[in-house]
Amino acid sequence: MSDAVLLLSDVARRFAQGGSVLEVLSGANLSVRAGEIVALVGPSGSGKSTLLQLAGLLEYPDAGEVAVGGHACGGLSDAERTRLRRDTLGFVYQNHHLLPEFSALENVVLPQMIAEVPRAQAVQRAAELLTRLGLEGRMEHRPGQLSGGEQQRVAIARALANRPKLLLADEPTGNLDPGTAEAVFAELIALVRDQGLAALIATHNPELAARMDRRVTVRGGAVVDV
């Protein structure tokens, strides 16, 4: 699929477990297009996290090919994979993983500075994202001074700071109460749609999954539509 931002082709991933081999993925295929939000659903242990790790170039497949932003990644060096992650991918995790010694604004500025964005431009981008997420009055607060929902909003802003083509999210509202989860998820989806990103979002919440464009799961080592 030529317009796929994420493309997995016949991907396999297996792990040694005691004296046996656990085949988590086998001949898995998946494509996610620009502007498409795909829910990754399924029980714990089904392979969702493994799939996200492969899509995020954090693990190597044992067979098959992963392509991100039109770049086949199998032959890339570690440095090239790191650069592609920095420039093309955004990550949101269940735990926000913010740097506690920095303010909300600084947490969103830092990944841009690593990408060599001029500081003034990085600050402007960070402030715009945080304001869009309702944190205009909380930018100078450190993570410990923010609520769980506010911390996750900062994590979303950080993930989008470098204008990625693909957003990967692993249970991004899993640690939040239902009301806060709904609000944060709505803001995340609105930002993704506004920026025309491709997104693959793992969730256990069927109501949130139903609001995405389509749902897939890992079954028998393959990625199948739900």
C-alpha atoms as a PDB file:
ATOM      1  CA  MET A   1       0.000   0.000   0.000  1.00  0.00           C
ATOM      2  CA  SER A   2       1.793   3.088  -1.290  1.00  0.00           C
ATOM      3  CA  ASP A   3       0.243   5.543   1.152  1.00  0.00           C
ATOM      4  CA  ALA A   4       0.912   3.414   4.247  1.00  0.00           C
ATOM      5  CA  VAL A   5       2.860   5.258   6.931  1.00  0.00           C
ATOM      6  CA  LEU A   6       3.290   1.959   8.793  1.00  0.00           C
ATOM      7  CA  LEU A   7       3.599  -1.303   6.890  1.00  0.00           C
ATOM      8  CA  LEU A   8       4.334  -4.722   8.398  1.00  0.00           C
ATOM      9  CA  SER A   9       4.910  -7.452   5.816  1.00  0.00           C
ATOM     10  CA  ASP A  10       5.002 -11.130   6.880  1.00  0.00           C
ATOM     11  CA  VAL A  11       6.540 -10.200  10.222  1.00  0.00           C
ATOM     12  CA  ALA A  12       7.531 -12.901  12.710  1.00  0.00           C
ATOM     13  CA  ARG A  13       8.692 -12.465  16.297  1.00  0.00           C
ATOM     14  CA  ARG A  14       9.522 -15.309  18.627  1.00  0.00           C
ATOM     15  CA  PHE A  15      11.008 -15.645  22.091  1.00  0.00           C
ATOM     16  CA  ALA A  16      12.816 -18.466  23.856  1.00  0.00           C
ATOM     17  CA  GLN A  17      10.814 -19.537  26.905  1.00  0.00           C
ATOM     18  CA  GLY A  18      12.479 -22.206  28.983  1.00  0.00           C
ATOM     19  CA  GLY A  19      13.203 -25.040  26.594  1.00  0.00           C
ATOM     20  CA  SER A  20      10.583 -23.994  24.043  1.00  0.00           C
ATOM     21  CA  VAL A  21       9.983 -21.170  21.590  1.00  0.00           C
ATOM     22  CA  LEU A  22       7.005 -18.832  21.938  1.00  0.00           C
ATOM     23  CA  GLU A  23       5.860 -17.551  18.536  1.00  0.00           C
ATOM     24  CA  VAL A  24       4.117 -14.250  19.245  1.00  0.00           C
ATOM     25  CA  LEU A  25       3.862 -13.080  15.629  1.00  0.00           C
ATOM     26  CA  SER A  26       4.010 -15.247  12.539  1.00  0.00           C
ATOM     27  CA  GLY A  27       3.405 -13.876   9.055  1.00  0.00           C
ATOM     28  CA  ALA A  28       1.782 -10.742  10.489  1.00  0.00           C
ATOM     29  CA  ASN A  29       0.672  -8.035   8.064  1.00  0.00           C
ATOM     30  CA  LEU A  30      -0.612  -4.563   8.896  1.00  0.00           C
ATOM     31  CA  SER A  31      -0.838  -1.205   7.173  1.00  0.00           C
ATOM     32  CA  VAL A  32      -1.850   2.137   8.677  1.00  0.00           C
ATOM     33  CA  ARG A  33      -2.403   5.085   6.345  1.00  0.00           C
ATOM     34  CA  ALA A  34      -1.973   8.796   6.944  1.00  0.00           C
ATOM     35  CA  GLY A  35      -5.084  10.153   8.630  1.00  0.00           C
ATOM     36  CA  GLU A  36      -6.145   6.699   9.854  1.00  0.00           C
ATOM     37  CA  ILE A  37      -6.537   5.820  13.546  1.00  0.00           C
ATOM     38  CA  VAL A  38      -6.366   2.075  14.228  1.00  0.00           C
ATOM     39  CA  ALA A  39      -7.272   0.483  17.561  1.00  0.00           C
ATOM     40  CA  LEU A  40      -5.109  -2.457  18.631  1.00  0.00           C
ATOM     41  CA  VAL A  41      -7.222  -4.592  20.944  1.00  0.00           C
ATOM     42  CA  GLY A  42      -6.923  -7.958  22.644  1.00  0.00           C
ATOM     43  CA  PRO A  43      -6.168  -9.522  26.021  1.00  0.00           C
ATOM     44  CA  SER A  44      -2.888  -9.097  27.866  1.00  0.00           C
ATOM     45  CA  GLY A  45      -0.251 -11.415  26.449  1.00  0.00           C
ATOM     46  CA  SER A  46      -1.774 -11.513  22.980  1.00  0.00           C
ATOM     47  CA  GLY A  47       1.148  -9.672  21.376  1.00  0.00           C
ATOM     48  CA  LYS A  48      -0.037  -6.046  21.344  1.00  0.00           C
ATOM     49  CA  SER A  49       3.067  -4.673  23.069  1.00  0.00           C
ATOM     50  CA  THR A  50       5.360  -6.740  20.850  1.00  0.00           C
ATOM     51  CA  LEU A  51       3.607  -5.362  17.780  1.00  0.00           C
ATOM     52  CA  LEU A  52       4.029  -1.796  19.035  1.00  0.00           C
ATOM     53  CA  GLN A  53       7.697  -2.393  19.857  1.00  0.00           C
ATOM     54  CA  LEU A  54       8.312  -3.618  16.306  1.00  0.00           C
ATOM     55  CA  ALA A  55       6.334  -0.741  14.791  1.00  0.00           C
ATOM     56  CA  GLY A  56       8.357   1.677  16.921  1.00  0.00           C
ATOM     57  CA  LEU A  57      11.677   0.163  15.776  1.00  0.00           C
ATOM     58  CA  LEU A  58      12.496  -0.766  19.364  1.00  0.00           C
ATOM     59  CA  GLU A  59      12.781  -4.460  18.462  1.00  0.00           C
ATOM     60  CA  TYR A  60      13.849  -6.319  15.336  1.00  0.00           C
ATOM     61  CA  PRO A  61      11.566  -8.878  13.681  1.00  0.00           C
ATOM     62  CA  ASP A  62      12.876 -12.411  13.299  1.00  0.00           C
ATOM     63  CA  ALA A  63      11.479 -12.441   9.763  1.00  0.00           C
ATOM     64  CA  GLY A  64       9.610 -10.093   7.468  1.00  0.00           C
ATOM     65  CA  GLU A  65       9.902  -6.348   7.037  1.00  0.00           C
ATOM     66  CA  VAL A  66       8.784  -3.247   8.911  1.00  0.00           C
ATOM     67  CA  ALA A  67       8.509  -0.018   6.900  1.00  0.00           C
ATOM     68  CA  VAL A  68       7.893   3.369   8.509  1.00  0.00           C
ATOM     69  CA  GLY A  69       7.239   6.524   6.526  1.00  0.00           C
ATOM     70  CA  GLY A  70       8.074   4.696   3.326  1.00  0.00           C
ATOM     71  CA  HIS A  71      11.461   3.504   4.620  1.00  0.00           C
ATOM     72  CA  ALA A  72      12.127  -0.228   4.839  1.00  0.00           C
ATOM     73  CA  CYS A  73      13.893  -0.625   8.165  1.00  0.00           C
ATOM     74  CA  GLY A  74      15.453  -4.082   7.963  1.00  0.00           C
ATOM     75  CA  GLY A  75      18.775  -2.881   6.589  1.00  0.00           C
ATOM     76  CA  LEU A  76      19.098   0.297   8.629  1.00  0.00           C
ATOM     77  CA  SER A  77      21.883   0.825  11.156  1.00  0.00           C
ATOM     78  CA  ASP A  78      21.070   1.561  14.797  1.00  0.00           C
ATOM     79  CA  ALA A  79      21.864   5.227  14.195  1.00  0.00           C
ATOM     80  CA  GLU A  80      19.544   5.341  11.181  1.00  0.00           C
ATOM     81  CA  ARG A  81      16.751   3.646  13.144  1.00  0.00           C
ATOM     82  CA  THR A  82      17.216   6.146  15.973  1.00  0.00           C
ATOM     83  CA  ARG A  83      17.017   9.044  13.533  1.00  0.00           C
ATOM     84  CA  LEU A  84      13.872   7.627  11.931  1.00  0.00           C
ATOM     85  CA  ARG A  85      12.250   7.198  15.350  1.00  0.00           C
ATOM     86  CA  ARG A  86      13.127  10.778  16.260  1.00  0.00           C
ATOM     87  CA  ASP A  87      11.869  12.321  13.023  1.00  0.00           C
ATOM     88  CA  THR A  88       8.899  10.115  12.148  1.00  0.00           C
ATOM     89  CA  LEU A  89       7.471   8.519  15.301  1.00  0.00           C
ATOM     90  CA  GLY A  90       5.693   9.779  18.389  1.00  0.00           C
ATOM     91  CA  PHE A  91       5.134   7.570  21.450  1.00  0.00           C
ATOM     92  CA  VAL A  92       2.564   7.773  24.267  1.00  0.00           C
ATOM     93  CA  TYR A  93       2.742   5.186  27.031  1.00  0.00           C
ATOM     94  CA  GLN A  94       0.388   4.198  29.848  1.00  0.00           C
ATOM     95  CA  ASN A  95       2.831   5.805  32.271  1.00  0.00           C
ATOM     96  CA  HIS A  96       3.709   9.327  31.199  1.00  0.00           C
ATOM     97  CA  HIS A  97       7.508   8.995  31.727  1.00  0.00           C
ATOM     98  CA  LEU A  98       7.945  12.752  32.099  1.00  0.00           C
ATOM     99  CA  LEU A  99      11.257  14.083  33.415  1.00  0.00           C
ATOM    100  CA  PRO A 100      10.405  15.135  36.985  1.00  0.00           C
ATOM    101  CA  GLU A 101      13.019  17.885  37.292  1.00  0.00           C
ATOM    102  CA  PHE A 102      11.689  19.805  34.272  1.00  0.00           C
ATOM    103  CA  SER A 103       8.509  21.823  33.827  1.00  0.00           C
ATOM    104  CA  ALA A 104       5.687  20.779  31.522  1.00  0.00           C
ATOM    105  CA  LEU A 105       6.930  23.236  28.915  1.00  0.00           C
ATOM    106  CA  GLU A 106      10.515  21.992  29.177  1.00  0.00           C
ATOM    107  CA  ASN A 107       9.395  18.366  28.808  1.00  0.00           C
ATOM    108  CA  VAL A 108       7.875  19.279  25.442  1.00  0.00           C
ATOM    109  CA  VAL A 109      10.782  21.490  24.391  1.00  0.00           C
ATOM    110  CA  LEU A 110      13.497  18.894  25.064  1.00  0.00           C
ATOM    111  CA  PRO A 111      12.710  16.386  22.262  1.00  0.00           C
ATOM    112  CA  GLN A 112      12.668  19.283  19.819  1.00  0.00           C
ATOM    113  CA  MET A 113      16.059  20.481  21.013  1.00  0.00           C
ATOM    114  CA  ILE A 114      17.401  16.944  20.491  1.00  0.00           C
ATOM    115  CA  ALA A 115      16.055  17.200  16.934  1.00  0.00           C
ATOM    116  CA  GLU A 116      18.011  20.476  16.604  1.00  0.00           C
ATOM    117  CA  VAL A 117      14.967  22.729  16.447  1.00  0.00           C
ATOM    118  CA  PRO A 118      15.927  26.313  17.467  1.00  0.00           C
ATOM    119  CA  ARG A 119      14.957  26.940  21.078  1.00  0.00           C
ATOM    120  CA  ALA A 120      12.579  29.838  20.379  1.00  0.00           C
ATOM    121  CA  GLN A 121      10.740  27.753  17.806  1.00  0.00           C
ATOM    122  CA  ALA A 122      10.641  24.756  20.163  1.00  0.00           C
ATOM    123  CA  VAL A 123       9.182  26.864  22.977  1.00  0.00           C
ATOM    124  CA  GLN A 124       6.517  28.256  20.641  1.00  0.00           C
ATOM    125  CA  ARG A 125       5.535  24.789  19.432  1.00  0.00           C
ATOM    126  CA  ALA A 126       5.433  23.438  23.010  1.00  0.00           C
ATOM    127  CA  ALA A 127       3.285  26.322  24.211  1.00  0.00           C
ATOM    128  CA  GLU A 128       0.861  25.897  21.302  1.00  0.00           C
ATOM    129  CA  LEU A 129       0.409  22.178  21.992  1.00  0.00           C
ATOM    130  CA  LEU A 130       0.016  22.601  25.747  1.00  0.00           C
ATOM    131  CA  THR A 131      -2.497  25.396  25.232  1.00  0.00           C
ATOM    132  CA  ARG A 132      -4.456  23.214  22.803  1.00  0.00           C
ATOM    133  CA  LEU A 133      -4.542  20.552  25.522  1.00  0.00           C
ATOM    134  CA  GLY A 134      -5.878  22.983  28.113  1.00  0.00           C
ATOM    135  CA  LEU A 135      -2.629  23.455  30.037  1.00  0.00           C
ATOM    136  CA  GLU A 136      -1.940  27.112  29.326  1.00  0.00           C
ATOM    137  CA  GLY A 137      -1.904  27.869  33.048  1.00  0.00           C
ATOM    138  CA  ARG A 138       0.218  24.851  34.010  1.00  0.00           C
ATOM    139  CA  MET A 139       3.221  25.126  31.687  1.00  0.00           C
ATOM    140  CA  GLU A 140       5.715  26.049  34.398  1.00  0.00           C
ATOM    141  CA  HIS A 141       4.558  23.299  36.768  1.00  0.00           C
ATOM    142  CA  ARG A 142       6.679  20.190  37.219  1.00  0.00           C
ATOM    143  CA  PRO A 143       5.073  16.753  36.756  1.00  0.00           C
ATOM    144  CA  GLY A 144       4.752  16.241  40.523  1.00  0.00           C
ATOM    145  CA  GLN A 145       2.541  19.336  40.676  1.00  0.00           C
ATOM    146  CA  LEU A 146       0.179  18.071  37.973  1.00  0.00           C
ATOM    147  CA  SER A 147      -2.742  15.648  38.125  1.00  0.00           C
ATOM    148  CA  GLY A 148      -2.592  12.319  36.308  1.00  0.00           C
ATOM    149  CA  GLY A 149      -4.681  13.650  33.443  1.00  0.00           C
ATOM    150  CA  GLU A 150      -2.522  16.747  33.149  1.00  0.00           C
ATOM    151  CA  GLN A 151       0.654  14.655  33.113  1.00  0.00           C
ATOM    152  CA  GLN A 152      -0.725  12.507  30.298  1.00  0.00           C
ATOM    153  CA  ARG A 153      -1.666  15.625  28.337  1.00  0.00           C
ATOM    154  CA  VAL A 154       1.950  16.767  28.621  1.00  0.00           C
ATOM    155  CA  ALA A 155       3.059  13.327  27.396  1.00  0.00           C
ATOM    156  CA  ILE A 156       0.769  13.681  24.371  1.00  0.00           C
ATOM    157  CA  ALA A 157       2.178  17.128  23.608  1.00  0.00           C
ATOM    158  CA  ARG A 158       5.701  15.733  23.876  1.00  0.00           C
ATOM    159  CA  ALA A 159       4.841  12.878  21.482  1.00  0.00           C
ATOM    160  CA  LEU A 160       3.551  15.341  18.892  1.00  0.00           C
ATOM    161  CA  ALA A 161       6.223  18.009  19.380  1.00  0.00           C
ATOM    162  CA  ASN A 162       8.423  16.929  16.465  1.00  0.00           C
ATOM    163  CA  ARG A 163       5.488  16.619  14.054  1.00  0.00           C
ATOM    164  CA  PRO A 164       5.666  12.834  13.617  1.00  0.00           C
ATOM    165  CA  LYS A 165       3.989  10.995  10.772  1.00  0.00           C
ATOM    166  CA  LEU A 166       3.019   8.041  12.983  1.00  0.00           C
ATOM    167  CA  LEU A 167       1.762   8.031  16.559  1.00  0.00           C
ATOM    168  CA  LEU A 168       2.062   4.854  18.617  1.00  0.00           C
ATOM    169  CA  ALA A 169       0.189   4.701  21.914  1.00  0.00           C
ATOM    170  CA  ASP A 170       0.114   1.862  24.460  1.00  0.00           C
ATOM    171  CA  GLU A 171      -2.939   2.162  26.748  1.00  0.00           C
ATOM    172  CA  PRO A 172      -2.567   5.974  26.842  1.00  0.00           C
ATOM    173  CA  THR A 173      -5.511   6.413  29.230  1.00  0.00           C
ATOM    174  CA  GLY A 174      -5.133   3.140  31.144  1.00  0.00           C
ATOM    175  CA  ASN A 175      -4.075   4.770  34.420  1.00  0.00           C
ATOM    176  CA  LEU A 176      -6.802   7.440  34.434  1.00  0.00           C
ATOM    177  CA  ASP A 177     -10.276   7.442  35.924  1.00  0.00           C
ATOM    178  CA  PRO A 178     -13.095   7.030  33.361  1.00  0.00           C
ATOM    179  CA  GLY A 179     -14.031  10.704  33.167  1.00  0.00           C
ATOM    180  CA  THR A 180     -10.457  11.906  32.783  1.00  0.00           C
ATOM    181  CA  ALA A 181      -9.693   9.094  30.348  1.00  0.00           C
ATOM    182  CA  GLU A 182     -12.584  10.170  28.135  1.00  0.00           C
ATOM    183  CA  ALA A 183     -11.449  13.795  28.098  1.00  0.00           C
ATOM    184  CA  VAL A 184      -7.790  12.977  27.417  1.00  0.00           C
ATOM    185  CA  PHE A 185      -8.697  10.481  24.698  1.00  0.00           C
ATOM    186  CA  ALA A 186     -10.973  13.003  22.970  1.00  0.00           C
ATOM    187  CA  GLU A 187      -8.159  15.565  22.955  1.00  0.00           C
ATOM    188  CA  LEU A 188      -5.681  13.005  21.633  1.00  0.00           C
ATOM    189  CA  ILE A 189      -7.962  11.954  18.776  1.00  0.00           C
ATOM    190  CA  ALA A 190      -8.741  15.569  17.854  1.00  0.00           C
ATOM    191  CA  LEU A 191      -5.039  16.439  17.650  1.00  0.00           C
ATOM    192  CA  VAL A 192      -4.225  13.335  15.601  1.00  0.00           C
ATOM    193  CA  ARG A 193      -7.022  14.064  13.143  1.00  0.00           C
ATOM    194  CA  ASP A 194      -6.155  17.744  12.865  1.00  0.00           C
ATOM    195  CA  GLN A 195      -2.547  16.915  12.008  1.00  0.00           C
ATOM    196  CA  GLY A 196      -3.402  14.083   9.629  1.00  0.00           C
ATOM    197  CA  LEU A 197      -1.247  11.521  11.406  1.00  0.00           C
ATOM    198  CA  ALA A 198      -1.393   7.780  11.171  1.00  0.00           C
ATOM    199  CA  ALA A 199      -2.017   6.301  14.622  1.00  0.00           C
ATOM    200  CA  LEU A 200      -1.924   2.827  16.147  1.00  0.00           C
ATOM    201  CA  ILE A 201      -3.409   2.862  19.648  1.00  0.00           C
ATOM    202  CA  ALA A 202      -3.529  -0.165  21.958  1.00  0.00           C
ATOM    203  CA  THR A 203      -6.451  -0.132  24.353  1.00  0.00           C
ATOM    204  CA  HIS A 204      -8.499  -2.467  26.525  1.00  0.00           C
ATOM    205  CA  ASN A 205     -11.412  -0.038  26.478  1.00  0.00           C
ATOM    206  CA  PRO A 206     -14.011  -1.201  23.911  1.00  0.00           C
ATOM    207  CA  GLU A 207     -15.809   2.152  23.935  1.00  0.00           C
ATOM    208  CA  LEU A 208     -12.623   4.019  23.026  1.00  0.00           C
ATOM    209  CA  ALA A 209     -11.713   1.397  20.420  1.00  0.00           C
ATOM    210  CA  ALA A 210     -15.130   1.753  18.780  1.00  0.00           C
ATOM    211  CA  ARG A 211     -14.440   5.453  18.145  1.00  0.00           C
ATOM    212  CA  MET A 212     -11.401   4.747  15.989  1.00  0.00           C
ATOM    213  CA  ASP A 213     -11.501   4.054  12.263  1.00  0.00           C
ATOM    214  CA  ARG A 214     -10.986   0.314  12.577  1.00  0.00           C
ATOM    215  CA  ARG A 215      -9.927  -2.327  15.077  1.00  0.00           C
ATOM    216  CA  VAL A 216      -7.310  -5.047  14.755  1.00  0.00           C
ATOM    217  CA  THR A 217      -6.046  -7.753  17.081  1.00  0.00           C
ATOM    218  CA  VAL A 218      -3.300 -10.367  17.185  1.00  0.00           C
ATOM    219  CA  ARG A 219      -4.692 -13.889  16.770  1.00  0.00           C
ATOM    220  CA  GLY A 220      -2.681 -17.015  16.075  1.00  0.00           C
ATOM    221  CA  GLY A 221       0.361 -14.866  15.336  1.00  0.00           C
ATOM    222  CA  ALA A 222      -1.439 -12.859  12.640  1.00  0.00           C
ATOM    223  CA  VAL A 223      -2.935  -9.379  12.703  1.00  0.00           C
ATOM    224  CA  VAL A 224      -6.645  -9.627  11.911  1.00  0.00           C
ATOM    225  CA  ASP A 225      -9.505  -7.139  11.694  1.00  0.00           C
ATOM    226  CA  VAL A 226     -12.051  -7.270  14.490  1.00  0.00           C
END
